[in-house]
Amino acid sequence: MDLGLGNKVVLVTGGSKGIGLACARAFAKEGARVAIVSRDPANLARAREQLASEGLHVHLTRADLHEPHSAADVVEEVSTAVGAIDILINSSGAARRYDPEALDAEAFRATMEAKYFPYIYPQQEVLRRMVERAKAARATDENKEPGTIVNIIGMGGKYASDIHIAGGAANAALMLATVGLAHYHARYGIRINAINPGATLTERLQEAVQLEAGREGVSAEDALARGEAKVPLGRYAKPEEIADVALFLASRRASYVTGAIVPMDGCSTPII
């Protein structure tokens, strides 16, 4: 199936590892022009080496998206170096998990700054430019999709896990922002969707596994096996599987899909 992503300019926040890196790889394989953002230069260098070994080349940008001016600078730099951004994949936030007894006001504040704002800041800057393009296209009667956004959020916003209350609250806020902004920007032809992965086989999963192992008094290997056994599909997701759905949502094949929140947890949370 031709997804029509060739030569599209794609910005992937948090694109140096995990699901973000899988998305960067997937879009590059489709022939898109990909830029990835991370605040860790070592992770960026490692991602470039991995992708280059596969014959894939991406534009690298080091930035801390916790600051609104930094997000604006990133969007400007990528737009100048690569081209006007057609697709934004937000995968930059990572919220710490806390034992409930360790939660305090600072933990909640830090979690919103770690997960919520690194999505909102670049999204708002990209949206502003997409709206400008949409208005310009209408003035010239051009029938072009001005852009699309996919937020990689997480199922933690759908249910209250004891060790992910603060992070789940940030996820829930991002889901509301996704749907609300999708509703408003549909008038411009801009589509905004989200994917809610469950546990996915990334480096970050190890943090949750270690915490669970400590609470249960078992090894990390046992904790991982127990977790996978609870998934109706019998295993955790691979980052590449999340990336495949991001590809579809960002493509013209999903041209009538907007405001959707796609669960990807192997039906571990059977909710509507």
C-alpha atoms as a PDB file:
ATOM      1  CA  MET A   1       0.000   0.000   0.000  1.00  0.00           C
ATOM      2  CA  ASP A   2       1.389   3.366  -1.048  1.00  0.00           C
ATOM      3  CA  LEU A   3       0.988   5.717   1.910  1.00  0.00           C
ATOM      4  CA  GLY A   4       2.069   8.761  -0.079  1.00  0.00           C
ATOM      5  CA  LEU A   5       4.664   9.806   2.485  1.00  0.00           C
ATOM      6  CA  GLY A   6       7.568  10.214   0.081  1.00  0.00           C
ATOM      7  CA  ASN A   7       9.313  13.580   0.462  1.00  0.00           C
ATOM      8  CA  LYS A   8       7.053  14.638   3.335  1.00  0.00           C
ATOM      9  CA  VAL A   9       8.835  16.580   6.076  1.00  0.00           C
ATOM     10  CA  VAL A  10       8.394  14.777   9.382  1.00  0.00           C
ATOM     11  CA  LEU A  11       9.474  16.080  12.783  1.00  0.00           C
ATOM     12  CA  VAL A  12       9.741  13.400  15.479  1.00  0.00           C
ATOM     13  CA  THR A  13      10.192  14.680  19.019  1.00  0.00           C
ATOM     14  CA  GLY A  14      11.865  12.189  21.320  1.00  0.00           C
ATOM     15  CA  GLY A  15      13.079  10.521  18.160  1.00  0.00           C
ATOM     16  CA  SER A  16      16.439   9.271  19.411  1.00  0.00           C
ATOM     17  CA  LYS A  17      15.212   6.102  21.126  1.00  0.00           C
ATOM     18  CA  GLY A  18      12.245   3.853  21.829  1.00  0.00           C
ATOM     19  CA  ILE A  19       8.981   4.455  20.005  1.00  0.00           C
ATOM     20  CA  GLY A  20      10.203   7.809  18.673  1.00  0.00           C
ATOM     21  CA  LEU A  21      13.199   6.195  17.000  1.00  0.00           C
ATOM     22  CA  ALA A  22      10.988   3.459  15.567  1.00  0.00           C
ATOM     23  CA  CYS A  23       8.758   6.160  14.077  1.00  0.00           C
ATOM     24  CA  ALA A  24      11.734   8.041  12.623  1.00  0.00           C
ATOM     25  CA  ARG A  25      12.975   4.825  11.030  1.00  0.00           C
ATOM     26  CA  ALA A  26       9.553   3.939   9.617  1.00  0.00           C
ATOM     27  CA  PHE A  27       8.990   7.343   8.010  1.00  0.00           C
ATOM     28  CA  ALA A  28      12.530   7.420   6.596  1.00  0.00           C
ATOM     29  CA  LYS A  29      11.922   4.029   5.000  1.00  0.00           C
ATOM     30  CA  GLU A  30       8.832   5.502   3.338  1.00  0.00           C
ATOM     31  CA  GLY A  31      11.006   8.158   1.725  1.00  0.00           C
ATOM     32  CA  ALA A  32      10.063  11.008   4.036  1.00  0.00           C
ATOM     33  CA  ARG A  33      12.528  13.708   5.065  1.00  0.00           C
ATOM     34  CA  VAL A  34      12.858  13.137   8.780  1.00  0.00           C
ATOM     35  CA  ALA A  35      14.140  15.355  11.572  1.00  0.00           C
ATOM     36  CA  ILE A  36      14.491  14.010  15.095  1.00  0.00           C
ATOM     37  CA  VAL A  37      14.764  16.020  18.295  1.00  0.00           C
ATOM     38  CA  SER A  38      16.306  14.995  21.604  1.00  0.00           C
ATOM     39  CA  ARG A  39      17.986  16.828  24.452  1.00  0.00           C
ATOM     40  CA  ASP A  40      20.610  14.078  24.850  1.00  0.00           C
ATOM     41  CA  PRO A  41      23.501  14.388  22.362  1.00  0.00           C
ATOM     42  CA  ALA A  42      24.671  10.837  23.082  1.00  0.00           C
ATOM     43  CA  ASN A  43      21.255   9.435  22.202  1.00  0.00           C
ATOM     44  CA  LEU A  44      21.176  11.527  19.029  1.00  0.00           C
ATOM     45  CA  ALA A  45      24.589  10.262  17.954  1.00  0.00           C
ATOM     46  CA  ARG A  46      23.595   6.664  18.656  1.00  0.00           C
ATOM     47  CA  ALA A  47      20.359   7.067  16.683  1.00  0.00           C
ATOM     48  CA  ARG A  48      22.223   8.545  13.726  1.00  0.00           C
ATOM     49  CA  GLU A  49      24.657   5.631  13.717  1.00  0.00           C
ATOM     50  CA  GLN A  50      21.869   3.063  13.899  1.00  0.00           C
ATOM     51  CA  LEU A  51      19.888   4.641  11.092  1.00  0.00           C
ATOM     52  CA  ALA A  52      22.945   5.278   8.922  1.00  0.00           C
ATOM     53  CA  SER A  53      23.871   1.595   9.206  1.00  0.00           C
ATOM     54  CA  GLU A  54      20.466   0.877   7.632  1.00  0.00           C
ATOM     55  CA  GLY A  55      21.037   3.378   4.834  1.00  0.00           C
ATOM     56  CA  LEU A  56      18.721   5.950   6.402  1.00  0.00           C
ATOM     57  CA  HIS A  57      19.665   9.556   7.020  1.00  0.00           C
ATOM     58  CA  VAL A  58      17.877  12.040   9.266  1.00  0.00           C
ATOM     59  CA  HIS A  59      18.348  15.609  10.393  1.00  0.00           C
ATOM     60  CA  LEU A  60      19.365  15.864  14.052  1.00  0.00           C
ATOM     61  CA  THR A  61      18.376  18.650  16.421  1.00  0.00           C
ATOM     62  CA  ARG A  62      19.362  18.898  20.066  1.00  0.00           C
ATOM     63  CA  ALA A  63      16.856  20.797  22.191  1.00  0.00           C
ATOM     64  CA  ASP A  64      15.045  20.769  25.502  1.00  0.00           C
ATOM     65  CA  LEU A  65      11.337  20.941  24.700  1.00  0.00           C
ATOM     66  CA  HIS A  66      10.413  21.778  28.278  1.00  0.00           C
ATOM     67  CA  GLU A  67      10.797  25.435  27.293  1.00  0.00           C
ATOM     68  CA  PRO A  68       8.359  27.112  24.851  1.00  0.00           C
ATOM     69  CA  HIS A  69      11.062  29.227  23.201  1.00  0.00           C
ATOM     70  CA  SER A  70      13.155  26.108  22.620  1.00  0.00           C
ATOM     71  CA  ALA A  71      10.260  24.387  20.871  1.00  0.00           C
ATOM     72  CA  ALA A  72       9.758  27.443  18.657  1.00  0.00           C
ATOM     73  CA  ASP A  73      13.465  27.458  17.802  1.00  0.00           C
ATOM     74  CA  VAL A  74      13.350  23.764  16.869  1.00  0.00           C
ATOM     75  CA  VAL A  75      10.406  24.232  14.521  1.00  0.00           C
ATOM     76  CA  GLU A  76      12.087  27.224  12.881  1.00  0.00           C
ATOM     77  CA  GLU A  77      15.410  25.391  12.499  1.00  0.00           C
ATOM     78  CA  VAL A  78      13.819  22.270  11.000  1.00  0.00           C
ATOM     79  CA  SER A  79      11.588  24.310   8.692  1.00  0.00           C
ATOM     80  CA  THR A  80      14.642  26.168   7.391  1.00  0.00           C
ATOM     81  CA  ALA A  81      16.991  23.179   7.108  1.00  0.00           C
ATOM     82  CA  VAL A  82      14.561  20.496   5.918  1.00  0.00           C
ATOM     83  CA  GLY A  83      11.350  22.204   4.838  1.00  0.00           C
ATOM     84  CA  ALA A  84       7.908  23.167   6.072  1.00  0.00           C
ATOM     85  CA  ILE A  85       6.756  20.487   8.518  1.00  0.00           C
ATOM     86  CA  ASP A  86       4.001  18.282   7.093  1.00  0.00           C
ATOM     87  CA  ILE A  87       3.839  15.787   9.953  1.00  0.00           C
ATOM     88  CA  LEU A  88       4.590  16.101  13.646  1.00  0.00           C
ATOM     89  CA  ILE A  89       5.061  12.934  15.696  1.00  0.00           C
ATOM     90  CA  ASN A  90       5.138  13.801  19.389  1.00  0.00           C
ATOM     91  CA  SER A  91       6.965  11.195  21.466  1.00  0.00           C
ATOM     92  CA  SER A  92       9.165  13.336  23.671  1.00  0.00           C
ATOM     93  CA  GLY A  93       7.754  13.119  27.172  1.00  0.00           C
ATOM     94  CA  ALA A  94       8.632  10.558  29.817  1.00  0.00           C
ATOM     95  CA  ALA A  95       6.940  10.730  33.196  1.00  0.00           C
ATOM     96  CA  ARG A  96       8.541   9.102  36.231  1.00  0.00           C
ATOM     97  CA  ARG A  97       6.608   6.483  38.115  1.00  0.00           C
ATOM     98  CA  TYR A  98       6.125   6.981  41.837  1.00  0.00           C
ATOM     99  CA  ASP A  99       4.948   4.873  44.686  1.00  0.00           C
ATOM    100  CA  PRO A 100       1.746   6.622  45.849  1.00  0.00           C
ATOM    101  CA  GLU A 101       3.274   7.372  49.249  1.00  0.00           C
ATOM    102  CA  ALA A 102       6.074   9.275  47.515  1.00  0.00           C
ATOM    103  CA  LEU A 103       3.710  11.529  45.568  1.00  0.00           C
ATOM    104  CA  ASP A 104       3.703  15.174  46.559  1.00  0.00           C
ATOM    105  CA  ALA A 105       2.953  18.512  44.915  1.00  0.00           C
ATOM    106  CA  GLU A 106       6.438  18.667  43.409  1.00  0.00           C
ATOM    107  CA  ALA A 107       6.027  15.226  41.841  1.00  0.00           C
ATOM    108  CA  PHE A 108       2.814  16.293  40.103  1.00  0.00           C
ATOM    109  CA  ARG A 109       4.376  19.537  38.865  1.00  0.00           C
ATOM    110  CA  ALA A 110       7.498  17.785  37.618  1.00  0.00           C
ATOM    111  CA  THR A 111       5.401  15.192  35.813  1.00  0.00           C
ATOM    112  CA  MET A 112       3.392  17.773  33.885  1.00  0.00           C
ATOM    113  CA  GLU A 113       6.616  19.518  32.898  1.00  0.00           C
ATOM    114  CA  ALA A 114       8.141  16.201  31.835  1.00  0.00           C
ATOM    115  CA  LYS A 115       5.222  14.803  29.824  1.00  0.00           C
ATOM    116  CA  TYR A 116       2.541  17.397  29.071  1.00  0.00           C
ATOM    117  CA  PHE A 117       4.383  20.548  28.044  1.00  0.00           C
ATOM    118  CA  PRO A 118       7.032  18.901  25.793  1.00  0.00           C
ATOM    119  CA  TYR A 119       4.068  17.841  23.623  1.00  0.00           C
ATOM    120  CA  ILE A 120       2.060  21.047  23.839  1.00  0.00           C
ATOM    121  CA  TYR A 121       4.868  23.505  23.066  1.00  0.00           C
ATOM    122  CA  PRO A 122       6.029  22.062  19.709  1.00  0.00           C
ATOM    123  CA  GLN A 123       2.468  21.140  18.764  1.00  0.00           C
ATOM    124  CA  GLN A 124       1.243  24.719  19.141  1.00  0.00           C
ATOM    125  CA  GLU A 125       4.135  26.119  17.110  1.00  0.00           C
ATOM    126  CA  VAL A 126       3.613  23.572  14.332  1.00  0.00           C
ATOM    127  CA  LEU A 127      -0.141  24.156  14.361  1.00  0.00           C
ATOM    128  CA  ARG A 128       0.338  27.886  13.948  1.00  0.00           C
ATOM    129  CA  ARG A 129       2.337  27.314  10.776  1.00  0.00           C
ATOM    130  CA  MET A 130      -0.070  24.682   9.466  1.00  0.00           C
ATOM    131  CA  VAL A 131      -2.997  27.085   9.876  1.00  0.00           C
ATOM    132  CA  GLU A 132      -1.077  29.758   7.957  1.00  0.00           C
ATOM    133  CA  ARG A 133      -0.493  27.272   5.130  1.00  0.00           C
ATOM    134  CA  ALA A 134      -4.147  26.247   5.140  1.00  0.00           C
ATOM    135  CA  LYS A 135      -5.306  29.841   4.811  1.00  0.00           C
ATOM    136  CA  ALA A 136      -2.811  30.499   2.015  1.00  0.00           C
ATOM    137  CA  ALA A 137      -3.919  27.357   0.163  1.00  0.00           C
ATOM    138  CA  ARG A 138      -7.567  28.413   0.360  1.00  0.00           C
ATOM    139  CA  ALA A 139      -6.676  31.798  -1.068  1.00  0.00           C
ATOM    140  CA  THR A 140      -5.253  30.083  -4.142  1.00  0.00           C
ATOM    141  CA  ASP A 141      -7.843  27.246  -4.261  1.00  0.00           C
ATOM    142  CA  GLU A 142      -5.166  24.628  -3.707  1.00  0.00           C
ATOM    143  CA  ASN A 143      -6.476  21.294  -2.399  1.00  0.00           C
ATOM    144  CA  LYS A 144      -3.647  20.262  -0.123  1.00  0.00           C
ATOM    145  CA  GLU A 145      -3.655  18.783   3.363  1.00  0.00           C
ATOM    146  CA  PRO A 146      -1.836  21.434   5.404  1.00  0.00           C
ATOM    147  CA  GLY A 147      -0.516  18.922   7.908  1.00  0.00           C
ATOM    148  CA  THR A 148      -1.202  16.247  10.463  1.00  0.00           C
ATOM    149  CA  ILE A 149      -0.099  15.460  14.015  1.00  0.00           C
ATOM    150  CA  VAL A 150       0.144  12.162  15.869  1.00  0.00           C
ATOM    151  CA  ASN A 151       0.670  12.218  19.628  1.00  0.00           C
ATOM    152  CA  ILE A 152       2.136   9.066  21.185  1.00  0.00           C
ATOM    153  CA  ILE A 153       0.582   9.289  24.644  1.00  0.00           C
ATOM    154  CA  GLY A 154      -0.103   6.128  26.653  1.00  0.00           C
ATOM    155  CA  MET A 155      -2.871   4.006  28.155  1.00  0.00           C
ATOM    156  CA  GLY A 156      -1.951   5.305  31.612  1.00  0.00           C
ATOM    157  CA  GLY A 157      -4.378   8.153  30.974  1.00  0.00           C
ATOM    158  CA  LYS A 158      -7.276   5.714  30.715  1.00  0.00           C
ATOM    159  CA  TYR A 159      -6.951   3.960  34.041  1.00  0.00           C
ATOM    160  CA  ALA A 160      -5.436   4.780  37.412  1.00  0.00           C
ATOM    161  CA  SER A 161      -2.381   2.635  38.045  1.00  0.00           C
ATOM    162  CA  ASP A 162      -1.061   3.033  41.603  1.00  0.00           C
ATOM    163  CA  ILE A 163       2.474   3.722  40.389  1.00  0.00           C
ATOM    164  CA  HIS A 164       1.461   5.993  37.491  1.00  0.00           C
ATOM    165  CA  ILE A 165      -1.063   8.422  38.961  1.00  0.00           C
ATOM    166  CA  ALA A 166       0.828  11.618  38.127  1.00  0.00           C
ATOM    167  CA  GLY A 167       1.887  10.366  34.702  1.00  0.00           C
ATOM    168  CA  GLY A 168      -1.615   9.111  33.994  1.00  0.00           C
ATOM    169  CA  ALA A 169      -3.011  12.547  34.803  1.00  0.00           C
ATOM    170  CA  ALA A 170      -0.635  14.101  32.252  1.00  0.00           C
ATOM    171  CA  ASN A 171      -1.664  11.494  29.679  1.00  0.00           C
ATOM    172  CA  ALA A 172      -5.349  12.215  30.282  1.00  0.00           C
ATOM    173  CA  ALA A 173      -4.705  15.927  29.798  1.00  0.00           C
ATOM    174  CA  LEU A 174      -2.908  15.236  26.517  1.00  0.00           C
ATOM    175  CA  MET A 175      -5.812  13.134  25.268  1.00  0.00           C
ATOM    176  CA  LEU A 176      -8.245  15.958  25.989  1.00  0.00           C
ATOM    177  CA  ALA A 177      -5.962  18.467  24.242  1.00  0.00           C
ATOM    178  CA  THR A 178      -5.637  16.144  21.245  1.00  0.00           C
ATOM    179  CA  VAL A 179      -9.368  15.768  20.742  1.00  0.00           C
ATOM    180  CA  GLY A 180     -10.160  19.408  21.486  1.00  0.00           C
ATOM    181  CA  LEU A 181      -7.526  20.744  19.105  1.00  0.00           C
ATOM    182  CA  ALA A 182      -8.540  18.203  16.452  1.00  0.00           C
ATOM    183  CA  HIS A 183     -12.128  19.422  16.673  1.00  0.00           C
ATOM    184  CA  TYR A 184     -11.130  23.043  16.202  1.00  0.00           C
ATOM    185  CA  HIS A 185      -8.487  22.577  13.507  1.00  0.00           C
ATOM    186  CA  ALA A 186     -10.558  20.237  11.339  1.00  0.00           C
ATOM    187  CA  ARG A 187     -11.992  23.384   9.720  1.00  0.00           C
ATOM    188  CA  TYR A 188      -8.533  23.939   8.222  1.00  0.00           C
ATOM    189  CA  GLY A 189      -8.109  20.342   7.074  1.00  0.00           C
ATOM    190  CA  ILE A 190      -5.525  19.691   9.790  1.00  0.00           C
ATOM    191  CA  ARG A 191      -5.828  16.253  11.383  1.00  0.00           C
ATOM    192  CA  ILE A 192      -4.701  15.455  14.941  1.00  0.00           C
ATOM    193  CA  ASN A 193      -4.787  11.949  16.377  1.00  0.00           C
ATOM    194  CA  ALA A 194      -3.185  10.016  19.201  1.00  0.00           C
ATOM    195  CA  ILE A 195      -1.931   6.521  19.931  1.00  0.00           C
ATOM    196  CA  ASN A 196      -2.089   5.079  23.436  1.00  0.00           C
ATOM    197  CA  PRO A 197       0.527   2.354  23.720  1.00  0.00           C
ATOM    198  CA  GLY A 198       0.444   0.013  26.660  1.00  0.00           C
ATOM    199  CA  ALA A 199       3.672  -1.557  27.886  1.00  0.00           C
ATOM    200  CA  THR A 200       6.092  -1.573  24.962  1.00  0.00           C
ATOM    201  CA  LEU A 201       9.488  -3.244  24.732  1.00  0.00           C
ATOM    202  CA  THR A 202      11.679  -0.165  25.125  1.00  0.00           C
ATOM    203  CA  GLU A 203      14.383   0.934  27.547  1.00  0.00           C
ATOM    204  CA  ARG A 204      11.776   2.857  29.510  1.00  0.00           C
ATOM    205  CA  LEU A 205       9.846  -0.332  30.223  1.00  0.00           C
ATOM    206  CA  GLN A 206      12.744  -1.467  32.370  1.00  0.00           C
ATOM    207  CA  GLU A 207      12.035   1.363  34.839  1.00  0.00           C
ATOM    208  CA  ALA A 208       8.505   0.100  35.418  1.00  0.00           C
ATOM    209  CA  VAL A 209       9.672  -3.521  35.572  1.00  0.00           C
ATOM    210  CA  GLN A 210      12.315  -2.719  38.186  1.00  0.00           C
ATOM    211  CA  LEU A 211       9.810  -0.815  40.324  1.00  0.00           C
ATOM    212  CA  GLU A 212       7.284  -3.625  40.115  1.00  0.00           C
ATOM    213  CA  ALA A 213       9.946  -6.219  40.889  1.00  0.00           C
ATOM    214  CA  GLY A 214      10.925  -4.289  44.000  1.00  0.00           C
ATOM    215  CA  ARG A 215       7.346  -4.033  45.177  1.00  0.00           C
ATOM    216  CA  GLU A 216       6.652  -7.726  44.602  1.00  0.00           C
ATOM    217  CA  GLY A 217      10.030  -9.020  45.820  1.00  0.00           C
ATOM    218  CA  VAL A 218      10.812 -10.885  42.582  1.00  0.00           C
ATOM    219  CA  SER A 219      13.476 -10.625  39.876  1.00  0.00           C
ATOM    220  CA  ALA A 220      13.083  -8.229  36.961  1.00  0.00           C
ATOM    221  CA  GLU A 221      12.848 -11.212  34.606  1.00  0.00           C
ATOM    222  CA  ASP A 222       9.982 -12.686  36.610  1.00  0.00           C
ATOM    223  CA  ALA A 223       8.240  -9.322  36.778  1.00  0.00           C
ATOM    224  CA  LEU A 224       8.496  -8.962  32.990  1.00  0.00           C
ATOM    225  CA  ALA A 225       7.136 -12.464  32.395  1.00  0.00           C
ATOM    226  CA  ARG A 226       4.267 -11.883  34.805  1.00  0.00           C
ATOM    227  CA  GLY A 227       3.401  -8.636  33.064  1.00  0.00           C
ATOM    228  CA  GLU A 228       3.343 -10.174  29.611  1.00  0.00           C
ATOM    229  CA  ALA A 229       1.230 -13.077  30.851  1.00  0.00           C
ATOM    230  CA  LYS A 230      -1.499 -10.579  31.801  1.00  0.00           C
ATOM    231  CA  VAL A 231      -1.772  -9.224  28.249  1.00  0.00           C
ATOM    232  CA  PRO A 232      -4.577 -10.960  26.306  1.00  0.00           C
ATOM    233  CA  LEU A 233      -2.296 -11.139  23.238  1.00  0.00           C
ATOM    234  CA  GLY A 234       0.338 -12.799  25.435  1.00  0.00           C
ATOM    235  CA  ARG A 235       3.135 -10.278  24.888  1.00  0.00           C
ATOM    236  CA  TYR A 236       4.080  -6.648  25.041  1.00  0.00           C
ATOM    237  CA  ALA A 237       4.095  -4.473  21.922  1.00  0.00           C
ATOM    238  CA  LYS A 238       7.172  -3.816  19.813  1.00  0.00           C
ATOM    239  CA  PRO A 239       8.045  -0.169  19.049  1.00  0.00           C
ATOM    240  CA  GLU A 240       7.776  -0.947  15.333  1.00  0.00           C
ATOM    241  CA  GLU A 241       4.125  -1.901  15.772  1.00  0.00           C
ATOM    242  CA  ILE A 242       3.343   1.501  17.251  1.00  0.00           C
ATOM    243  CA  ALA A 243       5.242   3.167  14.400  1.00  0.00           C
ATOM    244  CA  ASP A 244       3.186   1.314  11.787  1.00  0.00           C
ATOM    245  CA  VAL A 245      -0.035   2.804  13.163  1.00  0.00           C
ATOM    246  CA  ALA A 246       1.579   6.260  13.283  1.00  0.00           C
ATOM    247  CA  LEU A 247       2.452   5.891   9.601  1.00  0.00           C
ATOM    248  CA  PHE A 248      -1.158   5.136   8.725  1.00  0.00           C
ATOM    249  CA  LEU A 249      -2.624   7.952  10.818  1.00  0.00           C
ATOM    250  CA  ALA A 250      -0.212  10.454   9.282  1.00  0.00           C
ATOM    251  CA  SER A 251      -0.914   9.319   5.724  1.00  0.00           C
ATOM    252  CA  ARG A 252      -3.641  10.294   3.275  1.00  0.00           C
ATOM    253  CA  ARG A 253      -5.003   6.763   3.714  1.00  0.00           C
ATOM    254  CA  ALA A 254      -6.395   8.089   6.998  1.00  0.00           C
ATOM    255  CA  SER A 255      -7.698  11.311   5.454  1.00  0.00           C
ATOM    256  CA  TYR A 256     -11.021  11.156   7.323  1.00  0.00           C
ATOM    257  CA  VAL A 257      -9.559  10.180  10.683  1.00  0.00           C
ATOM    258  CA  THR A 258      -9.112  12.975  13.187  1.00  0.00           C
ATOM    259  CA  GLY A 259      -9.690  13.311  16.916  1.00  0.00           C
ATOM    260  CA  ALA A 260      -9.121   9.570  17.315  1.00  0.00           C
ATOM    261  CA  ILE A 261      -7.389   7.983  20.295  1.00  0.00           C
ATOM    262  CA  VAL A 262      -6.106   4.561  19.223  1.00  0.00           C
ATOM    263  CA  PRO A 263      -5.444   2.061  22.050  1.00  0.00           C
ATOM    264  CA  MET A 264      -2.490  -0.275  21.540  1.00  0.00           C
ATOM    265  CA  ASP A 265      -2.196  -2.347  24.701  1.00  0.00           C
ATOM    266  CA  GLY A 266      -3.142  -5.788  23.407  1.00  0.00           C
ATOM    267  CA  CYS A 267      -6.641  -5.269  24.909  1.00  0.00           C
ATOM    268  CA  SER A 268      -5.227  -5.245  28.429  1.00  0.00           C
ATOM    269  CA  THR A 269      -7.693  -2.479  29.288  1.00  0.00           C
ATOM    270  CA  PRO A 270     -11.006  -3.482  27.636  1.00  0.00           C
ATOM    271  CA  ILE A 271     -12.742  -0.116  27.801  1.00  0.00           C
ATOM    272  CA  ILE A 272     -14.761   1.837  25.245  1.00  0.00           C
END
